[in-house]
PDB file of all heavy atoms in Angstrom:
ATOM      1  N   ILE A   1      37.744  -8.485   4.216  1.00  0.00           N
ATOM      2  CA  ILE A   1      37.992  -9.693   3.438  1.00  0.00           C
ATOM      3  C   ILE A   1      39.110  -9.398   2.453  1.00  0.00           C
ATOM      4  O   ILE A   1      39.068  -8.388   1.736  1.00  0.00           O
ATOM      5  CB  ILE A   1      36.713 -10.141   2.717  1.00  0.00           C
ATOM      6  CG1 ILE A   1      35.617 -10.403   3.752  1.00  0.00           C
ATOM      7  CG2 ILE A   1      36.985 -11.376   1.866  1.00  0.00           C
ATOM      8  CD1 ILE A   1      34.249 -10.599   3.187  1.00  0.00           C
ATOM      9  N   PHE A   2      40.114 -10.290   2.427  1.00  0.00           N
ATOM     10  CA  PHE A   2      41.297 -10.122   1.589  1.00  0.00           C
ATOM     11  C   PHE A   2      41.490 -11.340   0.700  1.00  0.00           C
ATOM     12  O   PHE A   2      41.089 -12.445   1.052  1.00  0.00           O
ATOM     13  CB  PHE A   2      42.559  -9.985   2.458  1.00  0.00           C
ATOM     14  CG  PHE A   2      42.548  -8.817   3.389  1.00  0.00           C
ATOM     15  CD1 PHE A   2      42.043  -8.932   4.675  1.00  0.00           C
ATOM     16  CD2 PHE A   2      43.051  -7.594   2.992  1.00  0.00           C
ATOM     17  CE1 PHE A   2      42.040  -7.861   5.553  1.00  0.00           C
ATOM     18  CE2 PHE A   2      43.060  -6.515   3.852  1.00  0.00           C
ATOM     19  CZ  PHE A   2      42.554  -6.643   5.140  1.00  0.00           C
ATOM     20  N   THR A   3      42.166 -11.132  -0.431  1.00  0.00           N
ATOM     21  CA  THR A   3      42.630 -12.269  -1.226  1.00  0.00           C
ATOM     22  C   THR A   3      43.827 -12.869  -0.501  1.00  0.00           C
ATOM     23  O   THR A   3      44.398 -12.243   0.407  1.00  0.00           O
ATOM     24  CB  THR A   3      43.067 -11.826  -2.637  1.00  0.00           C
ATOM     25  OG1 THR A   3      44.185 -10.939  -2.511  1.00  0.00           O
ATOM     26  CG2 THR A   3      41.936 -11.166  -3.394  1.00  0.00           C
ATOM     27  N   VAL A   4      44.266 -14.050  -0.916  1.00  0.00           N
ATOM     28  CA  VAL A   4      45.435 -14.651  -0.283  1.00  0.00           C
ATOM     29  C   VAL A   4      46.700 -13.844  -0.591  1.00  0.00           C
ATOM     30  O   VAL A   4      47.691 -13.955   0.132  1.00  0.00           O
ATOM     31  CB  VAL A   4      45.618 -16.128  -0.694  1.00  0.00           C
ATOM     32  CG1 VAL A   4      44.538 -16.988  -0.097  1.00  0.00           C
ATOM     33  CG2 VAL A   4      45.673 -16.291  -2.190  1.00  0.00           C
ATOM     34  N   GLU A   5      46.673 -13.017  -1.625  1.00  0.00           N
ATOM     35  CA  GLU A   5      47.802 -12.146  -1.941  1.00  0.00           C
ATOM     36  C   GLU A   5      47.825 -10.904  -1.054  1.00  0.00           C
ATOM     37  O   GLU A   5      48.781 -10.156  -1.049  1.00  0.00           O
ATOM     38  CB  GLU A   5      47.759 -11.712  -3.415  1.00  0.00           C
ATOM     39  CG  GLU A   5      48.030 -12.842  -4.390  1.00  0.00           C
ATOM     40  CD  GLU A   5      46.787 -13.650  -4.702  1.00  0.00           C
ATOM     41  OE1 GLU A   5      45.658 -13.147  -4.492  1.00  0.00           O
ATOM     42  OE2 GLU A   5      46.943 -14.793  -5.139  1.00  0.00           O
ATOM     43  N   GLY A   6      46.733 -10.634  -0.321  1.00  0.00           N
ATOM     44  CA  GLY A   6      46.676  -9.499   0.595  1.00  0.00           C
ATOM     45  C   GLY A   6      45.905  -8.304   0.100  1.00  0.00           C
ATOM     46  O   GLY A   6      45.865  -7.275   0.773  1.00  0.00           O
ATOM     47  N   SER A   7      45.275  -8.382  -1.050  1.00  0.00           N
ATOM     48  CA  SER A   7      44.474  -7.267  -1.563  1.00  0.00           C
ATOM     49  C   SER A   7      43.117  -7.221  -0.870  1.00  0.00           C
ATOM     50  O   SER A   7      42.456  -8.248  -0.737  1.00  0.00           O
ATOM     51  CB  SER A   7      44.253  -7.420  -3.067  1.00  0.00           C
ATOM     52  OG  SER A   7      45.474  -7.408  -3.753  1.00  0.00           O
ATOM     53  N   LEU A   8      42.711  -6.034  -0.446  1.00  0.00           N
ATOM     54  CA  LEU A   8      41.407  -5.874   0.202  1.00  0.00           C
ATOM     55  C   LEU A   8      40.306  -6.063  -0.821  1.00  0.00           C
ATOM     56  O   LEU A   8      40.288  -5.415  -1.866  1.00  0.00           O
ATOM     57  CB  LEU A   8      41.304  -4.490   0.840  1.00  0.00           C
ATOM     58  CG  LEU A   8      39.997  -4.176   1.551  1.00  0.00           C
ATOM     59  CD1 LEU A   8      39.789  -5.094   2.753  1.00  0.00           C
ATOM     60  CD2 LEU A   8      39.965  -2.727   1.992  1.00  0.00           C
ATOM     61  N   VAL A   9      39.374  -6.950  -0.519  1.00  0.00           N
ATOM     62  CA  VAL A   9      38.246  -7.236  -1.401  1.00  0.00           C
ATOM     63  C   VAL A   9      37.024  -6.445  -0.959  1.00  0.00           C
ATOM     64  O   VAL A   9      36.352  -5.801  -1.754  1.00  0.00           O
ATOM     65  CB  VAL A   9      37.924  -8.747  -1.414  1.00  0.00           C
ATOM     66  CG1 VAL A   9      36.672  -9.042  -2.216  1.00  0.00           C
ATOM     67  CG2 VAL A   9      39.102  -9.536  -1.940  1.00  0.00           C
ATOM     68  N   ARG A  10      36.719  -6.486   0.336  1.00  0.00           N
ATOM     69  CA  ARG A  10      35.493  -5.852   0.836  1.00  0.00           C
ATOM     70  C   ARG A  10      35.617  -5.580   2.330  1.00  0.00           C
ATOM     71  O   ARG A  10      36.244  -6.346   3.052  1.00  0.00           O
ATOM     72  CB  ARG A  10      34.309  -6.782   0.581  1.00  0.00           C
ATOM     73  CG  ARG A  10      32.952  -6.262   0.923  1.00  0.00           C
ATOM     74  CD  ARG A  10      32.551  -5.149  -0.039  1.00  0.00           C
ATOM     75  NE  ARG A  10      31.285  -4.596   0.349  1.00  0.00           N
ATOM     76  CZ  ARG A  10      30.280  -4.400  -0.466  1.00  0.00           C
ATOM     77  NH1 ARG A  10      30.403  -4.699  -1.727  1.00  0.00           N
ATOM     78  NH2 ARG A  10      29.174  -3.880  -0.036  1.00  0.00           N
ATOM     79  N   THR A  11      35.006  -4.505   2.786  1.00  0.00           N
ATOM     80  CA  THR A  11      34.888  -4.194   4.204  1.00  0.00           C
ATOM     81  C   THR A  11      33.409  -4.192   4.551  1.00  0.00           C
ATOM     82  O   THR A  11      32.617  -3.520   3.890  1.00  0.00           O
ATOM     83  CB  THR A  11      35.508  -2.822   4.531  1.00  0.00           C
ATOM     84  OG1 THR A  11      36.883  -2.840   4.154  1.00  0.00           O
ATOM     85  CG2 THR A  11      35.390  -2.511   6.007  1.00  0.00           C
ATOM     86  N   LEU A  12      33.046  -4.965   5.559  1.00  0.00           N
ATOM     87  CA  LEU A  12      31.656  -5.069   6.006  1.00  0.00           C
ATOM     88  C   LEU A  12      31.558  -4.564   7.443  1.00  0.00           C
ATOM     89  O   LEU A  12      32.422  -4.865   8.264  1.00  0.00           O
ATOM     90  CB  LEU A  12      31.177  -6.523   5.943  1.00  0.00           C
ATOM     91  CG  LEU A  12      31.312  -7.227   4.593  1.00  0.00           C
ATOM     92  CD1 LEU A  12      31.057  -8.716   4.752  1.00  0.00           C
ATOM     93  CD2 LEU A  12      30.339  -6.630   3.602  1.00  0.00           C
ATOM     94  N   GLU A  13      30.514  -3.807   7.735  1.00  0.00           N
ATOM     95  CA  GLU A  13      30.277  -3.301   9.083  1.00  0.00           C
ATOM     96  C   GLU A  13      29.043  -3.979   9.661  1.00  0.00           C
ATOM     97  O   GLU A  13      28.015  -4.066   8.983  1.00  0.00           O
ATOM     98  CB  GLU A  13      30.047  -1.787   9.058  1.00  0.00           C
ATOM     99  CG  GLU A  13      31.212  -0.981   8.540  1.00  0.00           C
ATOM    100  CD  GLU A  13      32.358  -0.866   9.517  1.00  0.00           C
ATOM    101  OE1 GLU A  13      32.114  -1.012  10.740  1.00  0.00           O
ATOM    102  OE2 GLU A  13      33.483  -0.642   9.065  1.00  0.00           O
ATOM    103  N   LYS A  14      29.139  -4.442  10.895  1.00  0.00           N
ATOM    104  CA  LYS A  14      27.978  -5.020  11.580  1.00  0.00           C
ATOM    105  C   LYS A  14      27.656  -4.137  12.771  1.00  0.00           C
ATOM    106  O   LYS A  14      28.511  -3.912  13.628  1.00  0.00           O
ATOM    107  CB  LYS A  14      28.272  -6.434  12.053  1.00  0.00           C
ATOM    108  CG  LYS A  14      27.086  -7.065  12.776  1.00  0.00           C
ATOM    109  CD  LYS A  14      27.393  -8.483  13.187  1.00  0.00           C
ATOM    110  CE  LYS A  14      26.248  -9.130  13.887  1.00  0.00           C
ATOM    111  NZ  LYS A  14      25.782  -8.453  15.076  1.00  0.00           N
ATOM    112  N   THR A  15      26.437  -3.627  12.808  1.00  0.00           N
ATOM    113  CA  THR A  15      26.014  -2.756  13.908  1.00  0.00           C
ATOM    114  C   THR A  15      24.665  -3.177  14.469  1.00  0.00           C
ATOM    115  O   THR A  15      24.035  -2.411  15.177  1.00  0.00           O
ATOM    116  CB  THR A  15      25.934  -1.284  13.447  1.00  0.00           C
ATOM    117  OG1 THR A  15      25.044  -1.206  12.333  1.00  0.00           O
ATOM    118  CG2 THR A  15      27.292  -0.744  13.062  1.00  0.00           C
ATOM    119  N   SER A  16      24.216  -4.378  14.143  1.00  0.00           N
ATOM    120  CA  SER A  16      22.902  -4.820  14.619  1.00  0.00           C
ATOM    121  C   SER A  16      23.007  -5.303  16.064  1.00  0.00           C
ATOM    122  O   SER A  16      24.083  -5.413  16.629  1.00  0.00           O
ATOM    123  CB  SER A  16      22.369  -5.942  13.730  1.00  0.00           C
ATOM    124  OG  SER A  16      23.227  -7.057  13.771  1.00  0.00           O
ATOM    125  N   GLY A  17      21.883  -5.608  16.640  1.00  0.00           N
ATOM    126  CA  GLY A  17      21.819  -6.041  18.029  1.00  0.00           C
ATOM    127  C   GLY A  17      22.484  -7.380  18.291  1.00  0.00           C
ATOM    128  O   GLY A  17      22.935  -8.072  17.387  1.00  0.00           O
ATOM    129  N   THR A  18      22.535  -7.736  19.563  1.00  0.00           N
ATOM    130  CA  THR A  18      23.215  -8.967  19.966  1.00  0.00           C
ATOM    131  C   THR A  18      22.445 -10.220  19.584  1.00  0.00           C
ATOM    132  O   THR A  18      23.002 -11.306  19.595  1.00  0.00           O
ATOM    133  CB  THR A  18      23.435  -8.972  21.487  1.00  0.00           C
ATOM    134  OG1 THR A  18      22.161  -8.826  22.132  1.00  0.00           O
ATOM    135  CG2 THR A  18      24.369  -7.863  21.918  1.00  0.00           C
ATOM    136  N   THR A  19      21.162 -10.107  19.236  1.00  0.00           N
ATOM    137  CA  THR A  19      20.385 -11.294  18.879  1.00  0.00           C
ATOM    138  C   THR A  19      20.706 -11.791  17.480  1.00  0.00           C
ATOM    139  O   THR A  19      20.469 -12.943  17.171  1.00  0.00           O
ATOM    140  CB  THR A  19      18.869 -11.002  18.967  1.00  0.00           C
ATOM    141  OG1 THR A  19      18.552  -9.908  18.108  1.00  0.00           O
ATOM    142  CG2 THR A  19      18.479 -10.668  20.389  1.00  0.00           C
ATOM    143  N   ASP A  20      21.247 -10.923  16.631  1.00  0.00           N
ATOM    144  CA  ASP A  20      21.605 -11.315  15.261  1.00  0.00           C
ATOM    145  C   ASP A  20      23.118 -11.372  15.156  1.00  0.00           C
ATOM    146  O   ASP A  20      23.769 -10.348  15.034  1.00  0.00           O
ATOM    147  CB  ASP A  20      21.033 -10.313  14.255  1.00  0.00           C
ATOM    148  CG  ASP A  20      21.355 -10.697  12.817  1.00  0.00           C
ATOM    149  OD1 ASP A  20      21.663 -11.879  12.564  1.00  0.00           O
ATOM    150  OD2 ASP A  20      21.303  -9.813  11.958  1.00  0.00           O
ATOM    151  N   GLY A  21      23.686 -12.558  15.156  1.00  0.00           N
ATOM    152  CA  GLY A  21      25.132 -12.724  15.129  1.00  0.00           C
ATOM    153  C   GLY A  21      25.690 -13.007  13.759  1.00  0.00           C
ATOM    154  O   GLY A  21      26.742 -13.615  13.635  1.00  0.00           O
ATOM    155  N   SER A  22      24.995 -12.582  12.701  1.00  0.00           N
ATOM    156  CA  SER A  22      25.490 -12.885  11.356  1.00  0.00           C
ATOM    157  C   SER A  22      25.493 -11.632  10.489  1.00  0.00           C
ATOM    158  O   SER A  22      24.867 -10.633  10.800  1.00  0.00           O
ATOM    159  CB  SER A  22      24.620 -13.966  10.701  1.00  0.00           C
ATOM    160  OG  SER A  22      23.309 -13.486  10.503  1.00  0.00           O
ATOM    161  N   VAL A  23      26.239 -11.742   9.385  1.00  0.00           N
ATOM    162  CA  VAL A  23      26.325 -10.672   8.398  1.00  0.00           C
ATOM    163  C   VAL A  23      26.186 -11.315   7.030  1.00  0.00           C
ATOM    164  O   VAL A  23      26.694 -12.409   6.802  1.00  0.00           O
ATOM    165  CB  VAL A  23      27.686  -9.954   8.529  1.00  0.00           C
ATOM    166  CG1 VAL A  23      28.263  -9.530   7.224  1.00  0.00           C
ATOM    167  CG2 VAL A  23      27.585  -8.766   9.423  1.00  0.00           C
ATOM    168  N   THR A  24      25.473 -10.658   6.131  1.00  0.00           N
ATOM    169  CA  THR A  24      25.358 -11.177   4.767  1.00  0.00           C
ATOM    170  C   THR A  24      26.223 -10.340   3.843  1.00  0.00           C
ATOM    171  O   THR A  24      26.485  -9.163   4.108  1.00  0.00           O
ATOM    172  CB  THR A  24      23.901 -11.149   4.271  1.00  0.00           C
ATOM    173  OG1 THR A  24      23.411  -9.818   4.322  1.00  0.00           O
ATOM    174  CG2 THR A  24      23.031 -12.056   5.114  1.00  0.00           C
TER     175      THR A  24
END
């Protein structure tokens, strides 16, 4: 996730199974 200026805000990793298609 980046600001519109291009600064990195956060990196999220998703490694759960295929039944859960979301990340919080």
